[in-house]
Amino acid sequence: MPHRRQILGAVLAGAAMTACAMGDAVSSLAFDRISPVVAGALATVFGSVVFALWAGRNPFGRLVVRAPDRPGLLKAFHEIRASEGMPLLILRLAVGNAVVLPATYLSLGRLHSLETVISIAFGGPVMVTVWGLLFPRTGPRRISGLLCPLLAAVAMLALTRPWTGRFDVLGFGAAVLAAACGWNLLKVSGRLEDAGRLAQGTAIAGLLSSVMLAPVLIFTNAHWATGHALGICAASGLLSGFVETVLAVLALRFIAEETFGVLTGLEPVASLFVGWLFLREQITVLASLGVLLMVAAGSWAVWSEKQIKEQTG
């Protein structure tokens, strides 16, 4: 049974990463009509609101415990507000959610390479596992985990090709920022799952993210967006903000946050084919090498983590 649970968690994680890659690809179709940052903000709001509705009145299972006299999210909000340390976790998650898609889309709009952006952003979840290897809660420290960031660094060189003179500092920096948000997302989500508050906490954090992004939508050109651009952002938000989040929440019920972080290595692989299929990006040797090296970094982290667990029993 535990083995089957891990397989199910891995399948859900893979589906989540594919949905996220497709959402990023869809968003780029609106960049000629609206700025990437605004597109990311709109997608975040769309995805967060739909997820909150799903979590509050979920027809597919009682993920949220509801009192008979008020909606589930309102009850969860009062309980979370009264829990020690929980409001700060929700705030951390909200800030990360508010930044991750605008940063990702800004990077995609400048680098024009889906696999490059997603592979760099994948560095955040990989670092979650590397951190666990170097600073474990119990058991020995695994110095060999340093090989993971080394492989990731080589992968980034292959993907960004700085020697060509076309290295975009802002685009790369935005992708690194998205990676940091991914690291924050996994660390906070793991703690919320341990507390049994993952679905509720994610929904509340998403609504807070929407409030945080309101000034971006008010003081930019969001109100000039055409119906076509809004439709693209809505589709992107549903894929990246709702479908991906639902699948990730379910996956974290079956596998550890470190394992989930490494399984996101499926996203760079998926991005190669999604970029080729939807964005007509060429699958080059260097891009493929960079993606494979990034996946190798994640695979090494998984193997090292497994070795530690076997040694410590």
C-alpha atoms as a PDB file:
ATOM      1  CA  MET A   1       0.000   0.000   0.000  1.00  0.00           C
ATOM      2  CA  PRO A   2       2.745   2.583   0.801  1.00  0.00           C
ATOM      3  CA  HIS A   3       4.347   1.789  -2.567  1.00  0.00           C
ATOM      4  CA  ARG A   4       1.066   2.413  -4.366  1.00  0.00           C
ATOM      5  CA  ARG A   5       0.606   5.675  -2.507  1.00  0.00           C
ATOM      6  CA  GLN A   6       4.028   6.870  -3.660  1.00  0.00           C
ATOM      7  CA  ILE A   7       3.249   5.923  -7.262  1.00  0.00           C
ATOM      8  CA  LEU A   8      -0.048   7.801  -7.101  1.00  0.00           C
ATOM      9  CA  GLY A   9       1.714  10.818  -5.600  1.00  0.00           C
ATOM     10  CA  ALA A  10       4.329  10.724  -8.377  1.00  0.00           C
ATOM     11  CA  VAL A  11       1.634  10.545 -11.066  1.00  0.00           C
ATOM     12  CA  LEU A  12      -0.228  13.489  -9.546  1.00  0.00           C
ATOM     13  CA  ALA A  13       3.015  15.472  -9.289  1.00  0.00           C
ATOM     14  CA  GLY A  14       3.811  14.775 -12.945  1.00  0.00           C
ATOM     15  CA  ALA A  15       0.340  15.871 -14.004  1.00  0.00           C
ATOM     16  CA  ALA A  16       0.712  19.031 -11.910  1.00  0.00           C
ATOM     17  CA  MET A  17       4.010  19.930 -13.566  1.00  0.00           C
ATOM     18  CA  THR A  18       2.615  19.320 -17.059  1.00  0.00           C
ATOM     19  CA  ALA A  19      -0.362  21.573 -16.312  1.00  0.00           C
ATOM     20  CA  CYS A  20       1.998  24.273 -15.045  1.00  0.00           C
ATOM     21  CA  ALA A  21       4.144  24.095 -18.198  1.00  0.00           C
ATOM     22  CA  MET A  22       1.046  24.327 -20.386  1.00  0.00           C
ATOM     23  CA  GLY A  23      -0.197  27.307 -18.391  1.00  0.00           C
ATOM     24  CA  ASP A  24       3.112  29.116 -18.885  1.00  0.00           C
ATOM     25  CA  ALA A  25       3.026  28.368 -22.619  1.00  0.00           C
ATOM     26  CA  VAL A  26      -0.545  29.627 -22.973  1.00  0.00           C
ATOM     27  CA  SER A  27       0.314  32.872 -21.174  1.00  0.00           C
ATOM     28  CA  SER A  28       2.922  33.816 -23.768  1.00  0.00           C
ATOM     29  CA  LEU A  29       0.171  34.107 -26.396  1.00  0.00           C
ATOM     30  CA  ALA A  30      -0.985  37.308 -24.677  1.00  0.00           C
ATOM     31  CA  PHE A  31       2.402  39.037 -24.406  1.00  0.00           C
ATOM     32  CA  ASP A  32       1.876  41.019 -27.609  1.00  0.00           C
ATOM     33  CA  ARG A  33      -1.324  42.487 -26.146  1.00  0.00           C
ATOM     34  CA  ILE A  34      -0.456  42.850 -22.462  1.00  0.00           C
ATOM     35  CA  SER A  35       2.758  42.963 -20.433  1.00  0.00           C
ATOM     36  CA  PRO A  36       4.020  39.649 -18.966  1.00  0.00           C
ATOM     37  CA  VAL A  37       3.847  40.998 -15.397  1.00  0.00           C
ATOM     38  CA  VAL A  38       0.205  42.006 -15.803  1.00  0.00           C
ATOM     39  CA  ALA A  39      -0.546  38.672 -17.480  1.00  0.00           C
ATOM     40  CA  GLY A  40       1.004  36.900 -14.503  1.00  0.00           C
ATOM     41  CA  ALA A  41      -1.004  38.998 -12.058  1.00  0.00           C
ATOM     42  CA  LEU A  42      -4.274  38.313 -13.898  1.00  0.00           C
ATOM     43  CA  ALA A  43      -3.505  34.590 -14.112  1.00  0.00           C
ATOM     44  CA  THR A  44      -2.756  34.493 -10.377  1.00  0.00           C
ATOM     45  CA  VAL A  45      -6.064  36.167  -9.530  1.00  0.00           C
ATOM     46  CA  PHE A  46      -8.070  33.901 -11.828  1.00  0.00           C
ATOM     47  CA  GLY A  47      -6.432  30.736 -10.520  1.00  0.00           C
ATOM     48  CA  SER A  48      -6.569  31.769  -6.860  1.00  0.00           C
ATOM     49  CA  VAL A  49     -10.251  32.686  -6.887  1.00  0.00           C
ATOM     50  CA  VAL A  50     -11.268  29.465  -8.624  1.00  0.00           C
ATOM     51  CA  PHE A  51      -9.154  27.387  -6.231  1.00  0.00           C
ATOM     52  CA  ALA A  52     -10.683  29.163  -3.229  1.00  0.00           C
ATOM     53  CA  LEU A  53     -14.175  28.366  -4.518  1.00  0.00           C
ATOM     54  CA  TRP A  54     -13.146  24.751  -5.067  1.00  0.00           C
ATOM     55  CA  ALA A  55     -11.626  24.403  -1.608  1.00  0.00           C
ATOM     56  CA  GLY A  56     -14.522  26.131   0.136  1.00  0.00           C
ATOM     57  CA  ARG A  57     -17.265  24.156  -1.555  1.00  0.00           C
ATOM     58  CA  ASN A  58     -15.409  21.150  -2.874  1.00  0.00           C
ATOM     59  CA  PRO A  59     -17.729  18.604  -4.535  1.00  0.00           C
ATOM     60  CA  PHE A  60     -14.963  15.998  -4.911  1.00  0.00           C
ATOM     61  CA  GLY A  61     -14.285  15.275  -1.265  1.00  0.00           C
ATOM     62  CA  ARG A  62     -14.387  16.981   2.117  1.00  0.00           C
ATOM     63  CA  LEU A  63     -10.962  18.595   1.927  1.00  0.00           C
ATOM     64  CA  VAL A  64     -12.270  21.414   4.114  1.00  0.00           C
ATOM     65  CA  VAL A  65     -14.156  20.707   7.344  1.00  0.00           C
ATOM     66  CA  ARG A  66     -17.254  22.896   7.312  1.00  0.00           C
ATOM     67  CA  ALA A  67     -19.370  24.033  10.190  1.00  0.00           C
ATOM     68  CA  PRO A  68     -23.116  23.923   9.476  1.00  0.00           C
ATOM     69  CA  ASP A  69     -23.547  27.665   9.995  1.00  0.00           C
ATOM     70  CA  ARG A  70     -20.811  29.158   7.787  1.00  0.00           C
ATOM     71  CA  PRO A  71     -18.611  28.416   4.740  1.00  0.00           C
ATOM     72  CA  GLY A  72     -15.583  26.205   5.135  1.00  0.00           C
ATOM     73  CA  LEU A  73     -12.975  28.853   4.315  1.00  0.00           C
ATOM     74  CA  LEU A  74     -14.419  31.298   6.831  1.00  0.00           C
ATOM     75  CA  LYS A  75     -14.246  28.664   9.539  1.00  0.00           C
ATOM     76  CA  ALA A  76     -10.722  27.740   8.463  1.00  0.00           C
ATOM     77  CA  PHE A  77      -9.688  31.414   8.514  1.00  0.00           C
ATOM     78  CA  HIS A  78     -10.798  31.828  12.132  1.00  0.00           C
ATOM     79  CA  GLU A  79      -9.042  28.610  13.150  1.00  0.00           C
ATOM     80  CA  ILE A  80      -5.821  29.510  11.313  1.00  0.00           C
ATOM     81  CA  ARG A  81      -5.813  33.030  12.761  1.00  0.00           C
ATOM     82  CA  ALA A  82      -5.963  31.542  16.242  1.00  0.00           C
ATOM     83  CA  SER A  83      -3.179  29.001  15.551  1.00  0.00           C
ATOM     84  CA  GLU A  84       0.314  29.937  16.701  1.00  0.00           C
ATOM     85  CA  GLY A  85       2.673  30.567  13.795  1.00  0.00           C
ATOM     86  CA  MET A  86       0.047  29.755  11.162  1.00  0.00           C
ATOM     87  CA  PRO A  87      -0.742  33.367  10.076  1.00  0.00           C
ATOM     88  CA  LEU A  88       2.944  33.958   9.269  1.00  0.00           C
ATOM     89  CA  LEU A  89       3.056  30.788   7.142  1.00  0.00           C
ATOM     90  CA  ILE A  90      -0.044  31.911   5.242  1.00  0.00           C
ATOM     91  CA  LEU A  91       1.508  35.344   4.679  1.00  0.00           C
ATOM     92  CA  ARG A  92       4.733  33.754   3.373  1.00  0.00           C
ATOM     93  CA  LEU A  93       2.715  31.615   0.996  1.00  0.00           C
ATOM     94  CA  ALA A  94       0.642  34.587  -0.152  1.00  0.00           C
ATOM     95  CA  VAL A  95       3.705  36.703  -0.952  1.00  0.00           C
ATOM     96  CA  GLY A  96       5.305  33.837  -2.876  1.00  0.00           C
ATOM     97  CA  ASN A  97       2.123  33.181  -4.826  1.00  0.00           C
ATOM     98  CA  ALA A  98       1.785  36.865  -5.696  1.00  0.00           C
ATOM     99  CA  VAL A  99       5.296  36.931  -7.162  1.00  0.00           C
ATOM    100  CA  VAL A 100       5.826  33.537  -8.797  1.00  0.00           C
ATOM    101  CA  LEU A 101       3.681  33.844 -11.944  1.00  0.00           C
ATOM    102  CA  PRO A 102       4.504  37.519 -12.719  1.00  0.00           C
ATOM    103  CA  ALA A 103       8.207  36.693 -12.305  1.00  0.00           C
ATOM    104  CA  THR A 104       7.921  33.545 -14.421  1.00  0.00           C
ATOM    105  CA  TYR A 105       6.040  35.300 -17.204  1.00  0.00           C
ATOM    106  CA  LEU A 106       8.435  38.258 -17.163  1.00  0.00           C
ATOM    107  CA  SER A 107      11.328  35.842 -17.565  1.00  0.00           C
ATOM    108  CA  LEU A 108       9.538  33.992 -20.358  1.00  0.00           C
ATOM    109  CA  GLY A 109       8.773  37.253 -22.139  1.00  0.00           C
ATOM    110  CA  ARG A 110      12.461  38.237 -22.102  1.00  0.00           C
ATOM    111  CA  LEU A 111      14.226  34.888 -22.567  1.00  0.00           C
ATOM    112  CA  HIS A 112      11.722  33.509 -25.115  1.00  0.00           C
ATOM    113  CA  SER A 113      12.536  29.956 -24.057  1.00  0.00           C
ATOM    114  CA  LEU A 114      10.054  27.961 -22.026  1.00  0.00           C
ATOM    115  CA  GLU A 115      12.475  25.171 -21.113  1.00  0.00           C
ATOM    116  CA  THR A 116      15.086  27.685 -19.931  1.00  0.00           C
ATOM    117  CA  VAL A 117      12.666  29.540 -17.666  1.00  0.00           C
ATOM    118  CA  ILE A 118      11.145  26.404 -16.190  1.00  0.00           C
ATOM    119  CA  SER A 119      14.505  24.692 -15.713  1.00  0.00           C
ATOM    120  CA  ILE A 120      15.883  27.679 -13.813  1.00  0.00           C
ATOM    121  CA  ALA A 121      12.712  27.885 -11.731  1.00  0.00           C
ATOM    122  CA  PHE A 122      13.094  24.158 -11.028  1.00  0.00           C
ATOM    123  CA  GLY A 123      16.296  25.017  -9.167  1.00  0.00           C
ATOM    124  CA  GLY A 124      14.171  26.224  -6.238  1.00  0.00           C
ATOM    125  CA  PRO A 125      12.491  22.869  -5.515  1.00  0.00           C
ATOM    126  CA  VAL A 126      15.817  21.062  -6.035  1.00  0.00           C
ATOM    127  CA  MET A 127      17.359  23.257  -3.352  1.00  0.00           C
ATOM    128  CA  VAL A 128      14.634  22.111  -0.938  1.00  0.00           C
ATOM    129  CA  THR A 129      15.985  18.575  -1.200  1.00  0.00           C
ATOM    130  CA  VAL A 130      19.608  19.719  -1.169  1.00  0.00           C
ATOM    131  CA  TRP A 131      18.930  21.648   2.029  1.00  0.00           C
ATOM    132  CA  GLY A 132      17.443  18.515   3.547  1.00  0.00           C
ATOM    133  CA  LEU A 133      20.559  16.555   2.597  1.00  0.00           C
ATOM    134  CA  LEU A 134      23.008  19.093   3.984  1.00  0.00           C
ATOM    135  CA  PHE A 135      21.003  20.005   7.098  1.00  0.00           C
ATOM    136  CA  PRO A 136      18.870  16.934   7.944  1.00  0.00           C
ATOM    137  CA  ARG A 137      16.502  16.961  10.899  1.00  0.00           C
ATOM    138  CA  THR A 138      17.880  13.566  11.924  1.00  0.00           C
ATOM    139  CA  GLY A 139      20.724  11.392  10.679  1.00  0.00           C
ATOM    140  CA  PRO A 140      24.050  12.189   9.026  1.00  0.00           C
ATOM    141  CA  ARG A 141      24.776  15.117   6.762  1.00  0.00           C
ATOM    142  CA  ARG A 142      25.151  14.183   3.081  1.00  0.00           C
ATOM    143  CA  ILE A 143      27.936  16.348   1.656  1.00  0.00           C
ATOM    144  CA  SER A 144      27.534  14.622  -1.712  1.00  0.00           C
ATOM    145  CA  GLY A 145      24.366  16.674  -2.048  1.00  0.00           C
ATOM    146  CA  LEU A 146      26.622  19.516  -3.183  1.00  0.00           C
ATOM    147  CA  LEU A 147      26.804  17.742  -6.534  1.00  0.00           C
ATOM    148  CA  CYS A 148      23.184  18.801  -7.158  1.00  0.00           C
ATOM    149  CA  PRO A 149      23.809  22.576  -7.310  1.00  0.00           C
ATOM    150  CA  LEU A 150      26.950  21.905  -9.374  1.00  0.00           C
ATOM    151  CA  LEU A 151      24.940  20.009 -11.992  1.00  0.00           C
ATOM    152  CA  ALA A 152      22.249  22.701 -11.836  1.00  0.00           C
ATOM    153  CA  ALA A 153      24.854  25.422 -12.462  1.00  0.00           C
ATOM    154  CA  VAL A 154      26.181  23.623 -15.549  1.00  0.00           C
ATOM    155  CA  ALA A 155      22.600  23.144 -16.742  1.00  0.00           C
ATOM    156  CA  MET A 156      21.931  26.879 -16.426  1.00  0.00           C
ATOM    157  CA  LEU A 157      25.038  27.643 -18.465  1.00  0.00           C
ATOM    158  CA  ALA A 158      23.865  25.294 -21.215  1.00  0.00           C
ATOM    159  CA  LEU A 159      20.399  26.829 -21.222  1.00  0.00           C
ATOM    160  CA  THR A 160      21.291  30.524 -21.026  1.00  0.00           C
ATOM    161  CA  ARG A 161      24.488  30.384 -23.184  1.00  0.00           C
ATOM    162  CA  PRO A 162      26.070  33.567 -21.759  1.00  0.00           C
ATOM    163  CA  TRP A 163      29.038  33.283 -24.158  1.00  0.00           C
ATOM    164  CA  THR A 164      26.757  34.283 -27.054  1.00  0.00           C
ATOM    165  CA  GLY A 165      26.487  37.828 -25.668  1.00  0.00           C
ATOM    166  CA  ARG A 166      22.690  37.635 -25.515  1.00  0.00           C
ATOM    167  CA  PHE A 167      22.434  36.910 -21.814  1.00  0.00           C
ATOM    168  CA  ASP A 168      19.425  38.766 -20.401  1.00  0.00           C
ATOM    169  CA  VAL A 169      20.159  39.666 -16.780  1.00  0.00           C
ATOM    170  CA  LEU A 170      16.596  40.763 -15.988  1.00  0.00           C
ATOM    171  CA  GLY A 171      15.088  37.647 -17.556  1.00  0.00           C
ATOM    172  CA  PHE A 172      17.513  35.379 -15.684  1.00  0.00           C
ATOM    173  CA  GLY A 173      16.949  37.270 -12.432  1.00  0.00           C
ATOM    174  CA  ALA A 174      13.177  36.931 -12.780  1.00  0.00           C
ATOM    175  CA  ALA A 175      13.555  33.167 -13.263  1.00  0.00           C
ATOM    176  CA  VAL A 176      15.766  32.949 -10.168  1.00  0.00           C
ATOM    177  CA  LEU A 177      13.129  34.910  -8.238  1.00  0.00           C
ATOM    178  CA  ALA A 178      10.520  32.400  -9.413  1.00  0.00           C
ATOM    179  CA  ALA A 179      12.829  29.618  -8.194  1.00  0.00           C
ATOM    180  CA  ALA A 180      13.014  31.239  -4.752  1.00  0.00           C
ATOM    181  CA  CYS A 181       9.218  31.407  -4.690  1.00  0.00           C
ATOM    182  CA  GLY A 182       9.111  27.710  -5.590  1.00  0.00           C
ATOM    183  CA  TRP A 183      11.424  26.951  -2.673  1.00  0.00           C
ATOM    184  CA  ASN A 184       9.202  28.991  -0.355  1.00  0.00           C
ATOM    185  CA  LEU A 185       6.072  27.287  -1.701  1.00  0.00           C
ATOM    186  CA  LEU A 186       7.354  23.792  -0.971  1.00  0.00           C
ATOM    187  CA  LYS A 187       8.690  24.596   2.499  1.00  0.00           C
ATOM    188  CA  VAL A 188       5.472  26.302   3.591  1.00  0.00           C
ATOM    189  CA  SER A 189       3.229  23.710   1.914  1.00  0.00           C
ATOM    190  CA  GLY A 190       5.032  20.921   3.744  1.00  0.00           C
ATOM    191  CA  ARG A 191       4.429  22.584   7.100  1.00  0.00           C
ATOM    192  CA  LEU A 192       0.777  23.274   6.252  1.00  0.00           C
ATOM    193  CA  GLU A 193       0.306  19.636   5.234  1.00  0.00           C
ATOM    194  CA  ASP A 194       1.836  18.486   8.531  1.00  0.00           C
ATOM    195  CA  ALA A 195      -0.694  20.696  10.309  1.00  0.00           C
ATOM    196  CA  GLY A 196      -3.567  19.393   8.187  1.00  0.00           C
ATOM    197  CA  ARG A 197      -4.198  22.858   6.713  1.00  0.00           C
ATOM    198  CA  LEU A 198      -2.789  22.617   3.204  1.00  0.00           C
ATOM    199  CA  ALA A 199      -5.966  23.034   1.134  1.00  0.00           C
ATOM    200  CA  GLN A 200      -7.463  25.708   3.390  1.00  0.00           C
ATOM    201  CA  GLY A 201      -4.179  27.561   3.852  1.00  0.00           C
ATOM    202  CA  THR A 202      -3.449  27.559   0.119  1.00  0.00           C
ATOM    203  CA  ALA A 203      -6.914  28.916  -0.652  1.00  0.00           C
ATOM    204  CA  ILE A 204      -6.662  31.717   1.927  1.00  0.00           C
ATOM    205  CA  ALA A 205      -3.128  32.579   0.773  1.00  0.00           C
ATOM    206  CA  GLY A 206      -4.373  32.751  -2.816  1.00  0.00           C
ATOM    207  CA  LEU A 207      -7.069  35.254  -1.901  1.00  0.00           C
ATOM    208  CA  LEU A 208      -4.499  37.350  -0.041  1.00  0.00           C
ATOM    209  CA  SER A 209      -2.262  37.194  -3.131  1.00  0.00           C
ATOM    210  CA  SER A 210      -5.103  38.562  -5.225  1.00  0.00           C
ATOM    211  CA  VAL A 211      -5.446  41.504  -2.837  1.00  0.00           C
ATOM    212  CA  MET A 212      -1.689  42.129  -2.982  1.00  0.00           C
ATOM    213  CA  LEU A 213      -1.801  42.177  -6.787  1.00  0.00           C
ATOM    214  CA  ALA A 214      -4.726  44.596  -6.953  1.00  0.00           C
ATOM    215  CA  PRO A 215      -2.436  47.695  -7.204  1.00  0.00           C
ATOM    216  CA  VAL A 216      -0.591  46.082 -10.141  1.00  0.00           C
ATOM    217  CA  LEU A 217      -3.873  45.596 -11.977  1.00  0.00           C
ATOM    218  CA  ILE A 218      -5.187  49.065 -11.075  1.00  0.00           C
ATOM    219  CA  PHE A 219      -2.118  51.154 -11.919  1.00  0.00           C
ATOM    220  CA  THR A 220      -0.995  49.301 -15.058  1.00  0.00           C
ATOM    221  CA  ASN A 221      -2.592  48.653 -18.416  1.00  0.00           C
ATOM    222  CA  ALA A 222      -4.695  45.727 -17.143  1.00  0.00           C
ATOM    223  CA  HIS A 223      -7.932  47.654 -17.692  1.00  0.00           C
ATOM    224  CA  TRP A 224      -7.019  48.005 -21.384  1.00  0.00           C
ATOM    225  CA  ALA A 225      -6.804  44.247 -21.842  1.00  0.00           C
ATOM    226  CA  THR A 226      -8.999  42.894 -24.617  1.00  0.00           C
ATOM    227  CA  GLY A 227     -11.411  40.048 -24.107  1.00  0.00           C
ATOM    228  CA  HIS A 228      -9.035  37.796 -26.031  1.00  0.00           C
ATOM    229  CA  ALA A 229      -6.111  38.636 -23.725  1.00  0.00           C
ATOM    230  CA  LEU A 230      -8.276  38.167 -20.631  1.00  0.00           C
ATOM    231  CA  GLY A 231      -9.380  34.790 -21.943  1.00  0.00           C
ATOM    232  CA  ILE A 232      -5.748  33.733 -22.404  1.00  0.00           C
ATOM    233  CA  CYS A 233      -4.870  34.884 -18.880  1.00  0.00           C
ATOM    234  CA  ALA A 234      -7.883  33.051 -17.482  1.00  0.00           C
ATOM    235  CA  ALA A 235      -6.855  29.829 -19.238  1.00  0.00           C
ATOM    236  CA  SER A 236      -3.289  30.272 -18.040  1.00  0.00           C
ATOM    237  CA  GLY A 237      -4.454  30.907 -14.473  1.00  0.00           C
ATOM    238  CA  LEU A 238      -6.729  27.872 -14.499  1.00  0.00           C
ATOM    239  CA  LEU A 239      -3.847  25.643 -15.628  1.00  0.00           C
ATOM    240  CA  SER A 240      -1.026  27.154 -13.551  1.00  0.00           C
ATOM    241  CA  GLY A 241      -3.016  28.427 -10.585  1.00  0.00           C
ATOM    242  CA  PHE A 242      -5.907  25.995 -10.224  1.00  0.00           C
ATOM    243  CA  VAL A 243      -5.276  22.643 -11.921  1.00  0.00           C
ATOM    244  CA  GLU A 244      -1.596  22.619 -10.938  1.00  0.00           C
ATOM    245  CA  THR A 245      -2.387  23.661  -7.352  1.00  0.00           C
ATOM    246  CA  VAL A 246      -5.146  21.067  -6.892  1.00  0.00           C
ATOM    247  CA  LEU A 247      -2.931  18.284  -8.226  1.00  0.00           C
ATOM    248  CA  ALA A 248       0.003  19.470  -6.084  1.00  0.00           C
ATOM    249  CA  VAL A 249      -2.157  19.566  -2.935  1.00  0.00           C
ATOM    250  CA  LEU A 250      -3.330  16.022  -3.620  1.00  0.00           C
ATOM    251  CA  ALA A 251       0.196  14.813  -4.451  1.00  0.00           C
ATOM    252  CA  LEU A 252       1.571  16.142  -1.151  1.00  0.00           C
ATOM    253  CA  ARG A 253      -0.891  13.886   0.642  1.00  0.00           C
ATOM    254  CA  PHE A 254       0.984  10.854  -0.671  1.00  0.00           C
ATOM    255  CA  ILE A 255       4.631  11.916  -0.926  1.00  0.00           C
ATOM    256  CA  ALA A 256       7.027  14.059   1.119  1.00  0.00           C
ATOM    257  CA  GLU A 257       7.712  17.686   0.176  1.00  0.00           C
ATOM    258  CA  GLU A 258      11.347  16.825  -0.699  1.00  0.00           C
ATOM    259  CA  THR A 259      10.233  14.054  -3.068  1.00  0.00           C
ATOM    260  CA  PHE A 260       7.635  16.321  -4.616  1.00  0.00           C
ATOM    261  CA  GLY A 261      10.282  18.994  -5.093  1.00  0.00           C
ATOM    262  CA  VAL A 262      12.473  16.634  -7.062  1.00  0.00           C
ATOM    263  CA  LEU A 263       9.572  15.217  -9.080  1.00  0.00           C
ATOM    264  CA  THR A 264       9.032  18.706 -10.420  1.00  0.00           C
ATOM    265  CA  GLY A 265      11.977  17.746 -12.634  1.00  0.00           C
ATOM    266  CA  LEU A 266       9.267  16.415 -14.912  1.00  0.00           C
ATOM    267  CA  GLU A 267       8.305  20.028 -15.633  1.00  0.00           C
ATOM    268  CA  PRO A 268      11.525  20.954 -17.516  1.00  0.00           C
ATOM    269  CA  VAL A 269      11.155  17.784 -19.600  1.00  0.00           C
ATOM    270  CA  ALA A 270       7.515  18.569 -20.297  1.00  0.00           C
ATOM    271  CA  SER A 271       8.453  22.155 -21.161  1.00  0.00           C
ATOM    272  CA  LEU A 272      10.659  20.950 -24.035  1.00  0.00           C
ATOM    273  CA  PHE A 273       7.701  19.323 -25.748  1.00  0.00           C
ATOM    274  CA  VAL A 274       5.114  21.897 -24.707  1.00  0.00           C
ATOM    275  CA  GLY A 275       7.352  24.700 -26.046  1.00  0.00           C
ATOM    276  CA  TRP A 276       7.890  22.808 -29.294  1.00  0.00           C
ATOM    277  CA  LEU A 277       4.202  21.947 -29.690  1.00  0.00           C
ATOM    278  CA  PHE A 278       2.568  25.263 -28.729  1.00  0.00           C
ATOM    279  CA  LEU A 279       5.301  27.892 -29.162  1.00  0.00           C
ATOM    280  CA  ARG A 280       7.229  26.358 -32.069  1.00  0.00           C
ATOM    281  CA  GLU A 281      10.468  26.446 -30.099  1.00  0.00           C
ATOM    282  CA  GLN A 282      13.300  24.353 -31.490  1.00  0.00           C
ATOM    283  CA  ILE A 283      14.564  21.455 -29.363  1.00  0.00           C
ATOM    284  CA  THR A 284      18.308  22.106 -29.568  1.00  0.00           C
ATOM    285  CA  VAL A 285      21.135  19.928 -28.307  1.00  0.00           C
ATOM    286  CA  LEU A 286      22.188  22.477 -25.668  1.00  0.00           C
ATOM    287  CA  ALA A 287      18.623  22.966 -24.433  1.00  0.00           C
ATOM    288  CA  SER A 288      18.144  19.206 -24.156  1.00  0.00           C
ATOM    289  CA  LEU A 289      21.482  18.867 -22.375  1.00  0.00           C
ATOM    290  CA  GLY A 290      20.583  21.618 -19.915  1.00  0.00           C
ATOM    291  CA  VAL A 291      17.217  20.034 -19.131  1.00  0.00           C
ATOM    292  CA  LEU A 292      18.783  16.585 -18.676  1.00  0.00           C
ATOM    293  CA  LEU A 293      21.460  17.968 -16.358  1.00  0.00           C
ATOM    294  CA  MET A 294      18.805  19.717 -14.288  1.00  0.00           C
ATOM    295  CA  VAL A 295      16.820  16.481 -14.066  1.00  0.00           C
ATOM    296  CA  ALA A 296      20.053  14.662 -13.156  1.00  0.00           C
ATOM    297  CA  ALA A 297      20.530  17.092 -10.272  1.00  0.00           C
ATOM    298  CA  GLY A 298      17.073  16.231  -9.008  1.00  0.00           C
ATOM    299  CA  SER A 299      17.610  12.493  -9.517  1.00  0.00           C
ATOM    300  CA  TRP A 300      20.861  12.609  -7.570  1.00  0.00           C
ATOM    301  CA  ALA A 301      19.056  14.362  -4.746  1.00  0.00           C
ATOM    302  CA  VAL A 302      16.365  11.652  -4.709  1.00  0.00           C
ATOM    303  CA  TRP A 303      18.986   8.892  -4.631  1.00  0.00           C
ATOM    304  CA  SER A 304      20.930  10.581  -1.841  1.00  0.00           C
ATOM    305  CA  GLU A 305      17.762  11.115   0.171  1.00  0.00           C
ATOM    306  CA  LYS A 306      16.836   7.447  -0.257  1.00  0.00           C
ATOM    307  CA  GLN A 307      20.301   6.328   0.879  1.00  0.00           C
ATOM    308  CA  ILE A 308      20.007   8.400   4.042  1.00  0.00           C
ATOM    309  CA  LYS A 309      16.603   6.933   4.873  1.00  0.00           C
ATOM    310  CA  GLU A 310      17.911   3.390   4.331  1.00  0.00           C
ATOM    311  CA  GLN A 311      20.918   4.030   6.578  1.00  0.00           C
ATOM    312  CA  THR A 312      18.859   5.600   9.361  1.00  0.00           C
ATOM    313  CA  GLY A 313      16.075   3.042   9.094  1.00  0.00           C
END
